[in-house]
């Protein structure tokens, strides 16, 4: 971590682990963390529910900080859950990054992730 910015998922997960240890939180599987992630998703969805596509695009553009905060909370919580389950977030992502696009290959070549990013 340089200049206080997290550059990788692994760094984020380590930071969350350190934060939990400093607060004397146990890293054991906990249904509360799953509920917390669900609550964060519901909170963001409330802002977009019952709006047309045009209204959703406008709302997000005008209120981006709501979603930056929400996604940040979700990722922090996801790292916390991963630590509780002893799952490496980078390993988990790499585990599914090829299998998910394969589910959509029948829809056309645009769903193949062949480029390096």
PDB file of N, CA and C in Angstrom:
ATOM      1  N   UNK A   1       0.854  -1.179   0.000  1.00  0.00           N
ATOM      2  CA  UNK A   1       0.000   0.000   0.000  1.00  0.00           C
ATOM      3  C   UNK A   1       0.894   1.234   0.000  1.00  0.00           C
ATOM      4  N   UNK A   2       0.755   2.044  -1.026  1.00  0.00           N
ATOM      5  CA  UNK A   2       1.564   3.244  -1.175  1.00  0.00           C
ATOM      6  C   UNK A   2       0.658   4.466  -1.122  1.00  0.00           C
ATOM      7  N   UNK A   3       1.071   5.480  -0.397  1.00  0.00           N
ATOM      8  CA  UNK A   3       0.292   6.719  -0.304  1.00  0.00           C
ATOM      9  C   UNK A   3      -1.105   6.510   0.265  1.00  0.00           C
ATOM     10  N   UNK A   4      -1.312   5.432   1.037  1.00  0.00           N
ATOM     11  CA  UNK A   4      -2.609   5.180   1.638  1.00  0.00           C
ATOM     12  C   UNK A   4      -3.631   4.574   0.699  1.00  0.00           C
ATOM     13  N   UNK A   5      -3.253   4.321  -0.551  1.00  0.00           N
ATOM     14  CA  UNK A   5      -4.193   3.745  -1.518  1.00  0.00           C
ATOM     15  C   UNK A   5      -3.962   2.247  -1.655  1.00  0.00           C
ATOM     16  N   UNK A   6      -5.046   1.517  -1.669  1.00  0.00           N
ATOM     17  CA  UNK A   6      -5.021   0.078  -1.879  1.00  0.00           C
ATOM     18  C   UNK A   6      -4.960  -0.160  -3.384  1.00  0.00           C
ATOM     19  N   UNK A   7      -4.009  -0.978  -3.826  1.00  0.00           N
ATOM     20  CA  UNK A   7      -3.839  -1.228  -5.261  1.00  0.00           C
ATOM     21  C   UNK A   7      -4.372  -2.584  -5.700  1.00  0.00           C
ATOM     22  N   UNK A   8      -4.481  -3.544  -4.784  1.00  0.00           N
ATOM     23  CA  UNK A   8      -4.907  -4.885  -5.166  1.00  0.00           C
ATOM     24  C   UNK A   8      -5.986  -5.383  -4.213  1.00  0.00           C
ATOM     25  N   UNK A   9      -6.715  -6.393  -4.664  1.00  0.00           N
ATOM     26  CA  UNK A   9      -7.712  -7.019  -3.795  1.00  0.00           C
ATOM     27  C   UNK A   9      -7.024  -7.644  -2.583  1.00  0.00           C
ATOM     28  N   UNK A  10      -5.846  -8.210  -2.797  1.00  0.00           N
ATOM     29  CA  UNK A  10      -5.109  -8.850  -1.706  1.00  0.00           C
ATOM     30  C   UNK A  10      -4.733  -7.830  -0.631  1.00  0.00           C
ATOM     31  N   UNK A  11      -4.295  -6.639  -1.046  1.00  0.00           N
ATOM     32  CA  UNK A  11      -3.983  -5.583  -0.084  1.00  0.00           C
ATOM     33  C   UNK A  11      -5.226  -5.181   0.704  1.00  0.00           C
ATOM     34  N   UNK A  12      -6.347  -5.079   0.014  1.00  0.00           N
ATOM     35  CA  UNK A  12      -7.600  -4.714   0.687  1.00  0.00           C
ATOM     36  C   UNK A  12      -7.963  -5.765   1.725  1.00  0.00           C
ATOM     37  N   UNK A  13      -7.851  -7.019   1.358  1.00  0.00           N
ATOM     38  CA  UNK A  13      -8.199  -8.097   2.280  1.00  0.00           C
ATOM     39  C   UNK A  13      -7.279  -8.086   3.502  1.00  0.00           C
ATOM     40  N   UNK A  14      -5.993  -7.825   3.294  1.00  0.00           N
ATOM     41  CA  UNK A  14      -5.052  -7.752   4.418  1.00  0.00           C
ATOM     42  C   UNK A  14      -5.376  -6.566   5.333  1.00  0.00           C
ATOM     43  N   UNK A  15      -5.726  -5.427   4.739  1.00  0.00           N
ATOM     44  CA  UNK A  15      -6.081  -4.258   5.532  1.00  0.00           C
ATOM     45  C   UNK A  15      -7.303  -4.541   6.396  1.00  0.00           C
ATOM     46  N   UNK A  16      -8.314  -5.183   5.826  1.00  0.00           N
ATOM     47  CA  UNK A  16      -9.531  -5.513   6.571  1.00  0.00           C
ATOM     48  C   UNK A  16      -9.210  -6.496   7.693  1.00  0.00           C
ATOM     49  N   UNK A  17      -8.327  -7.452   7.421  1.00  0.00           N
ATOM     50  CA  UNK A  17      -7.919  -8.412   8.454  1.00  0.00           C
ATOM     51  C   UNK A  17      -7.225  -7.685   9.612  1.00  0.00           C
ATOM     52  N   UNK A  18      -6.323  -6.776   9.281  1.00  0.00           N
ATOM     53  CA  UNK A  18      -5.628  -5.988  10.295  1.00  0.00           C
ATOM     54  C   UNK A  18      -6.628  -5.171  11.125  1.00  0.00           C
ATOM     55  N   UNK A  19      -7.574  -4.531  10.452  1.00  0.00           N
ATOM     56  CA  UNK A  19      -8.599  -3.730  11.123  1.00  0.00           C
ATOM     57  C   UNK A  19      -9.404  -4.593  12.098  1.00  0.00           C
ATOM     58  N   UNK A  20      -9.802  -5.775  11.656  1.00  0.00           N
ATOM     59  CA  UNK A  20     -10.568  -6.689  12.511  1.00  0.00           C
ATOM     60  C   UNK A  20      -9.735  -7.128  13.720  1.00  0.00           C
ATOM     61  N   UNK A  21      -8.480  -7.470  13.487  1.00  0.00           N
ATOM     62  CA  UNK A  21      -7.603  -7.894  14.595  1.00  0.00           C
ATOM     63  C   UNK A  21      -7.429  -6.772  15.599  1.00  0.00           C
ATOM     64  N   UNK A  22      -7.226  -5.553  15.110  1.00  0.00           N
ATOM     65  CA  UNK A  22      -7.050  -4.393  15.980  1.00  0.00           C
ATOM     66  C   UNK A  22      -8.275  -4.139  16.837  1.00  0.00           C
ATOM     67  N   UNK A  23      -9.448  -4.482  16.308  1.00  0.00           N
ATOM     68  CA  UNK A  23     -10.701  -4.298  17.045  1.00  0.00           C
ATOM     69  C   UNK A  23     -11.118  -5.543  17.816  1.00  0.00           C
ATOM     70  N   UNK A  24     -10.231  -6.543  17.814  1.00  0.00           N
ATOM     71  CA  UNK A  24     -10.467  -7.805  18.532  1.00  0.00           C
ATOM     72  C   UNK A  24     -11.729  -8.524  18.042  1.00  0.00           C
ATOM     73  N   UNK A  25     -11.962  -8.444  16.715  1.00  0.00           N
ATOM     74  CA  UNK A  25     -13.067  -9.178  16.106  1.00  0.00           C
ATOM     75  C   UNK A  25     -12.568 -10.541  15.693  1.00  0.00           C
ATOM     76  N   UNK A  26     -13.349 -11.549  15.931  1.00  0.00           N
ATOM     77  CA  UNK A  26     -12.977 -12.901  15.539  1.00  0.00           C
ATOM     78  C   UNK A  26     -13.276 -13.116  14.065  1.00  0.00           C
ATOM     79  N   UNK A  27     -12.361 -13.778  13.391  1.00  0.00           N
ATOM     80  CA  UNK A  27     -12.590 -14.146  11.995  1.00  0.00           C
ATOM     81  C   UNK A  27     -13.131 -15.567  11.945  1.00  0.00           C
ATOM     82  N   UNK A  28     -14.394 -15.679  12.286  1.00  0.00           N
ATOM     83  CA  UNK A  28     -15.099 -16.966  12.213  1.00  0.00           C
ATOM     84  C   UNK A  28     -16.331 -16.762  11.342  1.00  0.00           C
ATOM     85  N   UNK A  29     -16.757 -17.806  10.621  1.00  0.00           N
ATOM     86  CA  UNK A  29     -17.950 -17.645   9.791  1.00  0.00           C
ATOM     87  C   UNK A  29     -19.110 -17.091  10.611  1.00  0.00           C
ATOM     88  N   UNK A  30     -19.783 -16.102  10.017  1.00  0.00           N
ATOM     89  CA  UNK A  30     -20.796 -15.371  10.764  1.00  0.00           C
ATOM     90  C   UNK A  30     -21.924 -14.950   9.819  1.00  0.00           C
ATOM     91  N   UNK A  31     -23.122 -15.367  10.104  1.00  0.00           N
ATOM     92  CA  UNK A  31     -24.280 -15.027   9.268  1.00  0.00           C
ATOM     93  C   UNK A  31     -24.529 -13.521   9.249  1.00  0.00           C
ATOM     94  N   UNK A  32     -24.103 -12.827  10.295  1.00  0.00           N
ATOM     95  CA  UNK A  32     -24.291 -11.375  10.352  1.00  0.00           C
ATOM     96  C   UNK A  32     -23.615 -10.668   9.179  1.00  0.00           C
ATOM     97  N   UNK A  33     -22.453 -11.172   8.753  1.00  0.00           N
ATOM     98  CA  UNK A  33     -21.742 -10.530   7.642  1.00  0.00           C
ATOM     99  C   UNK A  33     -22.528 -10.705   6.349  1.00  0.00           C
ATOM    100  N   UNK A  34     -23.125 -11.870   6.147  1.00  0.00           N
ATOM    101  CA  UNK A  34     -23.967 -12.082   4.963  1.00  0.00           C
ATOM    102  C   UNK A  34     -25.169 -11.138   4.992  1.00  0.00           C
ATOM    103  N   UNK A  35     -25.761 -10.997   6.148  1.00  0.00           N
ATOM    104  CA  UNK A  35     -26.896 -10.074   6.295  1.00  0.00           C
ATOM    105  C   UNK A  35     -26.469  -8.635   6.033  1.00  0.00           C
ATOM    106  N   UNK A  36     -25.280  -8.272   6.505  1.00  0.00           N
ATOM    107  CA  UNK A  36     -24.761  -6.922   6.296  1.00  0.00           C
ATOM    108  C   UNK A  36     -24.589  -6.643   4.806  1.00  0.00           C
ATOM    109  N   UNK A  37     -24.042  -7.596   4.059  1.00  0.00           N
ATOM    110  CA  UNK A  37     -23.858  -7.416   2.622  1.00  0.00           C
ATOM    111  C   UNK A  37     -25.214  -7.258   1.921  1.00  0.00           C
ATOM    112  N   UNK A  38     -26.165  -8.055   2.337  1.00  0.00           N
ATOM    113  CA  UNK A  38     -27.517  -7.962   1.776  1.00  0.00           C
ATOM    114  C   UNK A  38     -28.114  -6.578   2.049  1.00  0.00           C
ATOM    115  N   UNK A  39     -27.958  -6.094   3.261  1.00  0.00           N
ATOM    116  CA  UNK A  39     -28.486  -4.774   3.621  1.00  0.00           C
ATOM    117  C   UNK A  39     -27.866  -3.675   2.768  1.00  0.00           C
ATOM    118  N   UNK A  40     -26.573  -3.776   2.514  1.00  0.00           N
ATOM    119  CA  UNK A  40     -25.897  -2.770   1.684  1.00  0.00           C
ATOM    120  C   UNK A  40     -26.461  -2.777   0.266  1.00  0.00           C
ATOM    121  N   UNK A  41     -26.703  -3.959  -0.290  1.00  0.00           N
ATOM    122  CA  UNK A  41     -27.277  -4.060  -1.634  1.00  0.00           C
ATOM    123  C   UNK A  41     -28.688  -3.485  -1.676  1.00  0.00           C
ATOM    124  N   UNK A  42     -29.483  -3.814  -0.674  1.00  0.00           N
ATOM    125  CA  UNK A  42     -30.859  -3.306  -0.617  1.00  0.00           C
ATOM    126  C   UNK A  42     -30.855  -1.789  -0.507  1.00  0.00           C
ATOM    127  N   UNK A  43     -29.949  -1.256   0.295  1.00  0.00           N
ATOM    128  CA  UNK A  43     -29.872   0.201   0.464  1.00  0.00           C
ATOM    129  C   UNK A  43     -29.614   0.894  -0.877  1.00  0.00           C
ATOM    130  N   UNK A  44     -28.680   0.352  -1.669  1.00  0.00           N
ATOM    131  CA  UNK A  44     -28.416   0.952  -2.980  1.00  0.00           C
ATOM    132  C   UNK A  44     -29.589   0.740  -3.929  1.00  0.00           C
ATOM    133  N   UNK A  45     -30.185  -0.434  -3.898  1.00  0.00           N
ATOM    134  CA  UNK A  45     -31.280  -0.721  -4.834  1.00  0.00           C
ATOM    135  C   UNK A  45     -32.483   0.180  -4.590  1.00  0.00           C
ATOM    136  N   UNK A  46     -32.689   0.612  -3.368  1.00  0.00           N
ATOM    137  CA  UNK A  46     -33.816   1.503  -3.058  1.00  0.00           C
ATOM    138  C   UNK A  46     -33.745   2.802  -3.854  1.00  0.00           C
ATOM    139  N   UNK A  47     -32.538   3.244  -4.162  1.00  0.00           N
ATOM    140  CA  UNK A  47     -32.368   4.491  -4.907  1.00  0.00           C
ATOM    141  C   UNK A  47     -32.742   4.340  -6.381  1.00  0.00           C
ATOM    142  N   UNK A  48     -32.736   3.119  -6.889  1.00  0.00           N
ATOM    143  CA  UNK A  48     -32.972   2.903  -8.313  1.00  0.00           C
ATOM    144  C   UNK A  48     -34.299   2.226  -8.614  1.00  0.00           C
ATOM    145  N   UNK A  49     -34.894   1.643  -7.604  1.00  0.00           N
ATOM    146  CA  UNK A  49     -36.143   0.896  -7.784  1.00  0.00           C
ATOM    147  C   UNK A  49     -37.264   1.806  -8.287  1.00  0.00           C
ATOM    148  N   UNK A  50     -38.062   1.260  -9.169  1.00  0.00           N
ATOM    149  CA  UNK A  50     -39.244   1.935  -9.716  1.00  0.00           C
ATOM    150  C   UNK A  50     -38.904   3.172 -10.558  1.00  0.00           C
ATOM    151  N   UNK A  51     -37.682   3.232 -11.051  1.00  0.00           N
ATOM    152  CA  UNK A  51     -37.296   4.318 -11.946  1.00  0.00           C
ATOM    153  C   UNK A  51     -37.098   3.740 -13.345  1.00  0.00           C
ATOM    154  N   UNK A  52     -37.333   4.559 -14.338  1.00  0.00           N
ATOM    155  CA  UNK A  52     -37.054   4.151 -15.713  1.00  0.00           C
ATOM    156  C   UNK A  52     -35.536   4.113 -15.909  1.00  0.00           C
ATOM    157  N   UNK A  53     -35.112   3.532 -17.012  1.00  0.00           N
ATOM    158  CA  UNK A  53     -33.674   3.489 -17.305  1.00  0.00           C
ATOM    159  C   UNK A  53     -33.085   4.894 -17.338  1.00  0.00           C
ATOM    160  N   UNK A  54     -33.778   5.805 -17.972  1.00  0.00           N
ATOM    161  CA  UNK A  54     -33.313   7.195 -18.069  1.00  0.00           C
ATOM    162  C   UNK A  54     -33.199   7.829 -16.675  1.00  0.00           C
ATOM    163  N   UNK A  55     -34.181   7.595 -15.826  1.00  0.00           N
ATOM    164  CA  UNK A  55     -34.154   8.143 -14.460  1.00  0.00           C
ATOM    165  C   UNK A  55     -33.021   7.533 -13.645  1.00  0.00           C
ATOM    166  N   UNK A  56     -32.772   6.230 -13.830  1.00  0.00           N
ATOM    167  CA  UNK A  56     -31.680   5.571 -13.088  1.00  0.00           C
ATOM    168  C   UNK A  56     -30.330   6.144 -13.497  1.00  0.00           C
ATOM    169  N   UNK A  57     -30.134   6.324 -14.796  1.00  0.00           N
ATOM    170  CA  UNK A  57     -28.868   6.879 -15.288  1.00  0.00           C
ATOM    171  C   UNK A  57     -28.658   8.284 -14.731  1.00  0.00           C
ATOM    172  N   UNK A  58     -29.695   9.087 -14.756  1.00  0.00           N
ATOM    173  CA  UNK A  58     -29.616  10.464 -14.237  1.00  0.00           C
ATOM    174  C   UNK A  58     -29.326  10.455 -12.735  1.00  0.00           C
ATOM    175  N   UNK A  59     -30.034   9.591 -11.990  1.00  0.00           N
ATOM    176  CA  UNK A  59     -29.845   9.545 -10.540  1.00  0.00           C
ATOM    177  C   UNK A  59     -28.414   9.143 -10.189  1.00  0.00           C
ATOM    178  N   UNK A  60     -27.904   8.124 -10.857  1.00  0.00           N
ATOM    179  CA  UNK A  60     -26.536   7.669 -10.575  1.00  0.00           C
ATOM    180  C   UNK A  60     -25.538   8.779 -10.891  1.00  0.00           C
ATOM    181  N   UNK A  61     -25.725   9.440 -12.025  1.00  0.00           N
ATOM    182  CA  UNK A  61     -24.824  10.520 -12.413  1.00  0.00           C
ATOM    183  C   UNK A  61     -24.829  11.652 -11.384  1.00  0.00           C
ATOM    184  N   UNK A  62     -26.008  11.991 -10.889  1.00  0.00           N
ATOM    185  CA  UNK A  62     -26.142  13.103  -9.943  1.00  0.00           C
ATOM    186  C   UNK A  62     -25.826  12.714  -8.504  1.00  0.00           C
ATOM    187  N   UNK A  63     -25.792  11.424  -8.196  1.00  0.00           N
ATOM    188  CA  UNK A  63     -25.604  10.956  -6.821  1.00  0.00           C
ATOM    189  C   UNK A  63     -24.544   9.863  -6.734  1.00  0.00           C
ATOM    190  N   UNK A  64     -23.513   9.986  -7.518  1.00  0.00           N
ATOM    191  CA  UNK A  64     -22.496   8.930  -7.609  1.00  0.00           C
ATOM    192  C   UNK A  64     -21.907   8.567  -6.245  1.00  0.00           C
ATOM    193  N   UNK A  65     -21.785   9.559  -5.349  1.00  0.00           N
ATOM    194  CA  UNK A  65     -21.172   9.299  -4.039  1.00  0.00           C
ATOM    195  C   UNK A  65     -21.940   8.231  -3.254  1.00  0.00           C
ATOM    196  N   UNK A  66     -23.252   8.139  -3.454  1.00  0.00           N
ATOM    197  CA  UNK A  66     -24.046   7.100  -2.785  1.00  0.00           C
ATOM    198  C   UNK A  66     -23.541   5.723  -3.192  1.00  0.00           C
ATOM    199  N   UNK A  67     -23.243   5.564  -4.478  1.00  0.00           N
ATOM    200  CA  UNK A  67     -22.842   4.270  -5.001  1.00  0.00           C
ATOM    201  C   UNK A  67     -21.362   3.994  -4.764  1.00  0.00           C
ATOM    202  N   UNK A  68     -20.541   5.031  -4.760  1.00  0.00           N
ATOM    203  CA  UNK A  68     -19.128   4.851  -4.389  1.00  0.00           C
ATOM    204  C   UNK A  68     -19.055   4.355  -2.948  1.00  0.00           C
ATOM    205  N   UNK A  69     -19.817   4.989  -2.072  1.00  0.00           N
ATOM    206  CA  UNK A  69     -19.860   4.574  -0.669  1.00  0.00           C
ATOM    207  C   UNK A  69     -20.425   3.158  -0.537  1.00  0.00           C
ATOM    208  N   UNK A  70     -21.499   2.864  -1.241  1.00  0.00           N
ATOM    209  CA  UNK A  70     -22.123   1.544  -1.162  1.00  0.00           C
ATOM    210  C   UNK A  70     -21.228   0.436  -1.666  1.00  0.00           C
ATOM    211  N   UNK A  71     -20.591   0.653  -2.812  1.00  0.00           N
ATOM    212  CA  UNK A  71     -19.674  -0.352  -3.363  1.00  0.00           C
ATOM    213  C   UNK A  71     -18.479  -0.521  -2.429  1.00  0.00           C
ATOM    214  N   UNK A  72     -17.991   0.576  -1.874  1.00  0.00           N
ATOM    215  CA  UNK A  72     -16.887   0.491  -0.911  1.00  0.00           C
ATOM    216  C   UNK A  72     -17.275  -0.318   0.313  1.00  0.00           C
ATOM    217  N   UNK A  73     -18.470  -0.055   0.849  1.00  0.00           N
ATOM    218  CA  UNK A  73     -18.958  -0.823   1.996  1.00  0.00           C
ATOM    219  C   UNK A  73     -19.095  -2.299   1.645  1.00  0.00           C
ATOM    220  N   UNK A  74     -19.616  -2.574   0.449  1.00  0.00           N
ATOM    221  CA  UNK A  74     -19.768  -3.964   0.016  1.00  0.00           C
ATOM    222  C   UNK A  74     -18.421  -4.661  -0.098  1.00  0.00           C
ATOM    223  N   UNK A  75     -17.448  -3.982  -0.695  1.00  0.00           N
ATOM    224  CA  UNK A  75     -16.140  -4.616  -0.868  1.00  0.00           C
ATOM    225  C   UNK A  75     -15.445  -4.828   0.479  1.00  0.00           C
ATOM    226  N   UNK A  76     -15.545  -3.855   1.359  1.00  0.00           N
ATOM    227  CA  UNK A  76     -14.973  -4.008   2.699  1.00  0.00           C
ATOM    228  C   UNK A  76     -15.631  -5.213   3.386  1.00  0.00           C
ATOM    229  N   UNK A  77     -16.972  -5.272   3.330  1.00  0.00           N
ATOM    230  CA  UNK A  77     -17.699  -6.385   3.937  1.00  0.00           C
ATOM    231  C   UNK A  77     -17.376  -7.715   3.288  1.00  0.00           C
ATOM    232  N   UNK A  78     -17.190  -7.707   1.967  1.00  0.00           N
ATOM    233  CA  UNK A  78     -16.835  -8.929   1.259  1.00  0.00           C
ATOM    234  C   UNK A  78     -15.452  -9.418   1.690  1.00  0.00           C
ATOM    235  N   UNK A  79     -14.519  -8.492   1.860  1.00  0.00           N
ATOM    236  CA  UNK A  79     -13.192  -8.870   2.356  1.00  0.00           C
ATOM    237  C   UNK A  79     -13.304  -9.443   3.763  1.00  0.00           C
ATOM    238  N   UNK A  80     -14.134  -8.844   4.572  1.00  0.00           N
ATOM    239  CA  UNK A  80     -14.350  -9.338   5.939  1.00  0.00           C
ATOM    240  C   UNK A  80     -14.924 -10.753   5.907  1.00  0.00           C
ATOM    241  N   UNK A  81     -15.932 -10.978   5.067  1.00  0.00           N
ATOM    242  CA  UNK A  81     -16.524 -12.307   4.933  1.00  0.00           C
ATOM    243  C   UNK A  81     -15.492 -13.306   4.413  1.00  0.00           C
ATOM    244  N   UNK A  82     -14.717 -12.905   3.421  1.00  0.00           N
ATOM    245  CA  UNK A  82     -13.676 -13.788   2.879  1.00  0.00           C
ATOM    246  C   UNK A  82     -12.687 -14.181   3.980  1.00  0.00           C
ATOM    247  N   UNK A  83     -12.316 -13.229   4.811  1.00  0.00           N
ATOM    248  CA  UNK A  83     -11.413 -13.545   5.926  1.00  0.00           C
ATOM    249  C   UNK A  83     -12.067 -14.522   6.894  1.00  0.00           C
ATOM    250  N   UNK A  84     -13.346 -14.328   7.162  1.00  0.00           N
ATOM    251  CA  UNK A  84     -14.050 -15.229   8.078  1.00  0.00           C
ATOM    252  C   UNK A  84     -14.104 -16.649   7.525  1.00  0.00           C
ATOM    253  N   UNK A  85     -14.170 -16.768   6.203  1.00  0.00           N
ATOM    254  CA  UNK A  85     -14.280 -18.080   5.559  1.00  0.00           C
ATOM    255  C   UNK A  85     -12.922 -18.612   5.083  1.00  0.00           C
ATOM    256  N   UNK A  86     -11.866 -17.841   5.360  1.00  0.00           N
ATOM    257  CA  UNK A  86     -10.513 -18.207   4.941  1.00  0.00           C
ATOM    258  C   UNK A  86     -10.429 -18.397   3.421  1.00  0.00           C
ATOM    259  N   UNK A  87     -11.010 -17.431   2.694  1.00  0.00           N
ATOM    260  CA  UNK A  87     -11.003 -17.448   1.235  1.00  0.00           C
ATOM    261  C   UNK A  87     -10.211 -16.242   0.747  1.00  0.00           C
ATOM    262  N   UNK A  88      -9.272 -16.472  -0.143  1.00  0.00           N
ATOM    263  CA  UNK A  88      -8.505 -15.400  -0.763  1.00  0.00           C
ATOM    264  C   UNK A  88      -9.375 -14.787  -1.862  1.00  0.00           C
ATOM    265  N   UNK A  89      -9.643 -13.476  -1.786  1.00  0.00           N
ATOM    266  CA  UNK A  89     -10.556 -12.845  -2.739  1.00  0.00           C
ATOM    267  C   UNK A  89     -10.014 -12.908  -4.168  1.00  0.00           C
ATOM    268  N   UNK A  90      -8.704 -12.765  -4.339  1.00  0.00           N
ATOM    269  CA  UNK A  90      -8.135 -12.855  -5.680  1.00  0.00           C
ATOM    270  C   UNK A  90      -8.280 -14.275  -6.222  1.00  0.00           C
ATOM    271  N   UNK A  91      -8.027 -15.251  -5.381  1.00  0.00           N
ATOM    272  CA  UNK A  91      -8.184 -16.643  -5.798  1.00  0.00           C
ATOM    273  C   UNK A  91      -9.644 -16.929  -6.172  1.00  0.00           C
ATOM    274  N   UNK A  92     -10.569 -16.416  -5.386  1.00  0.00           N
ATOM    275  CA  UNK A  92     -11.993 -16.629  -5.654  1.00  0.00           C
ATOM    276  C   UNK A  92     -12.390 -16.001  -6.991  1.00  0.00           C
ATOM    277  N   UNK A  93     -11.914 -14.788  -7.248  1.00  0.00           N
ATOM    278  CA  UNK A  93     -12.237 -14.141  -8.514  1.00  0.00           C
ATOM    279  C   UNK A  93     -11.655 -14.919  -9.681  1.00  0.00           C
ATOM    280  N   UNK A  94     -10.397 -15.310  -9.554  1.00  0.00           N
ATOM    281  CA  UNK A  94      -9.758 -16.070 -10.627  1.00  0.00           C
ATOM    282  C   UNK A  94     -10.431 -17.418 -10.848  1.00  0.00           C
ATOM    283  N   UNK A  95     -10.999 -17.965  -9.805  1.00  0.00           N
ATOM    284  CA  UNK A  95     -11.713 -19.246  -9.904  1.00  0.00           C
ATOM    285  C   UNK A  95     -12.925 -19.141 -10.824  1.00  0.00           C
ATOM    286  N   UNK A  96     -13.613 -18.008 -10.797  1.00  0.00           N
ATOM    287  CA  UNK A  96     -14.846 -17.862 -11.580  1.00  0.00           C
ATOM    288  C   UNK A  96     -14.692 -17.013 -12.840  1.00  0.00           C
ATOM    289  N   UNK A  97     -13.589 -16.318 -12.997  1.00  0.00           N
ATOM    290  CA  UNK A  97     -13.467 -15.374 -14.122  1.00  0.00           C
ATOM    291  C   UNK A  97     -13.580 -16.029 -15.487  1.00  0.00           C
ATOM    292  N   UNK A  98     -13.260 -17.297 -15.596  1.00  0.00           N
ATOM    293  CA  UNK A  98     -13.391 -17.990 -16.878  1.00  0.00           C
ATOM    294  C   UNK A  98     -14.716 -18.740 -16.988  1.00  0.00           C
ATOM    295  N   UNK A  99     -15.210 -19.245 -15.861  1.00  0.00           N
ATOM    296  CA  UNK A  99     -16.436 -20.047 -15.919  1.00  0.00           C
ATOM    297  C   UNK A  99     -17.686 -19.195 -16.142  1.00  0.00           C
ATOM    298  N   UNK A 100     -17.727 -18.005 -15.596  1.00  0.00           N
ATOM    299  CA  UNK A 100     -18.915 -17.155 -15.779  1.00  0.00           C
ATOM    300  C   UNK A 100     -19.091 -16.758 -17.245  1.00  0.00           C
ATOM    301  N   UNK A 101     -18.066 -16.240 -17.918  1.00  0.00           N
ATOM    302  CA  UNK A 101     -18.256 -15.905 -19.338  1.00  0.00           C
ATOM    303  C   UNK A 101     -18.644 -17.117 -20.196  1.00  0.00           C
ATOM    304  N   UNK A 102     -18.176 -18.299 -19.841  1.00  0.00           N
ATOM    305  CA  UNK A 102     -18.533 -19.501 -20.609  1.00  0.00           C
ATOM    306  C   UNK A 102     -20.035 -19.734 -20.602  1.00  0.00           C
ATOM    307  N   UNK A 103     -20.709 -19.339 -19.534  1.00  0.00           N
ATOM    308  CA  UNK A 103     -22.160 -19.500 -19.451  1.00  0.00           C
ATOM    309  C   UNK A 103     -22.874 -18.658 -20.507  1.00  0.00           C
ATOM    310  N   UNK A 104     -22.197 -17.624 -21.012  1.00  0.00           N
ATOM    311  CA  UNK A 104     -22.807 -16.699 -21.959  1.00  0.00           C
ATOM    312  C   UNK A 104     -22.232 -16.823 -23.365  1.00  0.00           C
ATOM    313  N   UNK A 105     -21.315 -17.747 -23.582  1.00  0.00           N
ATOM    314  CA  UNK A 105     -20.693 -17.896 -24.901  1.00  0.00           C
ATOM    315  C   UNK A 105     -21.705 -18.165 -25.994  1.00  0.00           C
ATOM    316  N   UNK A 106     -22.809 -18.818 -25.658  1.00  0.00           N
ATOM    317  CA  UNK A 106     -23.820 -19.111 -26.671  1.00  0.00           C
ATOM    318  C   UNK A 106     -24.471 -17.837 -27.214  1.00  0.00           C
ATOM    319  N   UNK A 107     -24.273 -16.733 -26.524  1.00  0.00           N
ATOM    320  CA  UNK A 107     -24.900 -15.477 -26.953  1.00  0.00           C
ATOM    321  C   UNK A 107     -24.043 -14.723 -27.947  1.00  0.00           C
ATOM    322  N   UNK A 108     -22.787 -15.140 -28.117  1.00  0.00           N
ATOM    323  CA  UNK A 108     -21.952 -14.498 -29.123  1.00  0.00           C
ATOM    324  C   UNK A 108     -20.530 -14.287 -28.650  1.00  0.00           C
ATOM    325  N   UNK A 109     -19.650 -13.987 -29.595  1.00  0.00           N
ATOM    326  CA  UNK A 109     -18.218 -13.848 -29.275  1.00  0.00           C
ATOM    327  C   UNK A 109     -17.905 -12.671 -28.365  1.00  0.00           C
ATOM    328  N   UNK A 110     -18.820 -11.716 -28.262  1.00  0.00           N
ATOM    329  CA  UNK A 110     -18.561 -10.554 -27.397  1.00  0.00           C
ATOM    330  C   UNK A 110     -18.486 -10.933 -25.928  1.00  0.00           C
ATOM    331  N   UNK A 111     -18.905 -12.136 -25.585  1.00  0.00           N
ATOM    332  CA  UNK A 111     -18.865 -12.582 -24.194  1.00  0.00           C
ATOM    333  C   UNK A 111     -17.599 -13.348 -23.839  1.00  0.00           C
ATOM    334  N   UNK A 112     -16.698 -13.496 -24.775  1.00  0.00           N
ATOM    335  CA  UNK A 112     -15.424 -14.166 -24.498  1.00  0.00           C
ATOM    336  C   UNK A 112     -14.440 -13.148 -23.963  1.00  0.00           C
ATOM    337  N   UNK A 113     -13.823 -13.460 -22.856  1.00  0.00           N
ATOM    338  CA  UNK A 113     -12.830 -12.557 -22.259  1.00  0.00           C
ATOM    339  C   UNK A 113     -11.443 -13.002 -22.712  1.00  0.00           C
ATOM    340  N   UNK A 114     -11.065 -12.596 -23.891  1.00  0.00           N
ATOM    341  CA  UNK A 114      -9.774 -13.022 -24.429  1.00  0.00           C
ATOM    342  C   UNK A 114      -8.725 -11.929 -24.308  1.00  0.00           C
ATOM    343  N   UNK A 115      -9.149 -10.684 -24.118  1.00  0.00           N
ATOM    344  CA  UNK A 115      -8.196  -9.589 -23.989  1.00  0.00           C
ATOM    345  C   UNK A 115      -7.571  -9.564 -22.608  1.00  0.00           C
ATOM    346  N   UNK A 116      -6.360  -9.096 -22.541  1.00  0.00           N
ATOM    347  CA  UNK A 116      -5.700  -8.828 -21.262  1.00  0.00           C
ATOM    348  C   UNK A 116      -6.031  -7.398 -20.857  1.00  0.00           C
ATOM    349  N   UNK A 117      -6.399  -7.216 -19.609  1.00  0.00           N
ATOM    350  CA  UNK A 117      -6.761  -5.875 -19.136  1.00  0.00           C
ATOM    351  C   UNK A 117      -5.738  -5.320 -18.208  1.00  0.00           C
TER     352      UNK A 117
END
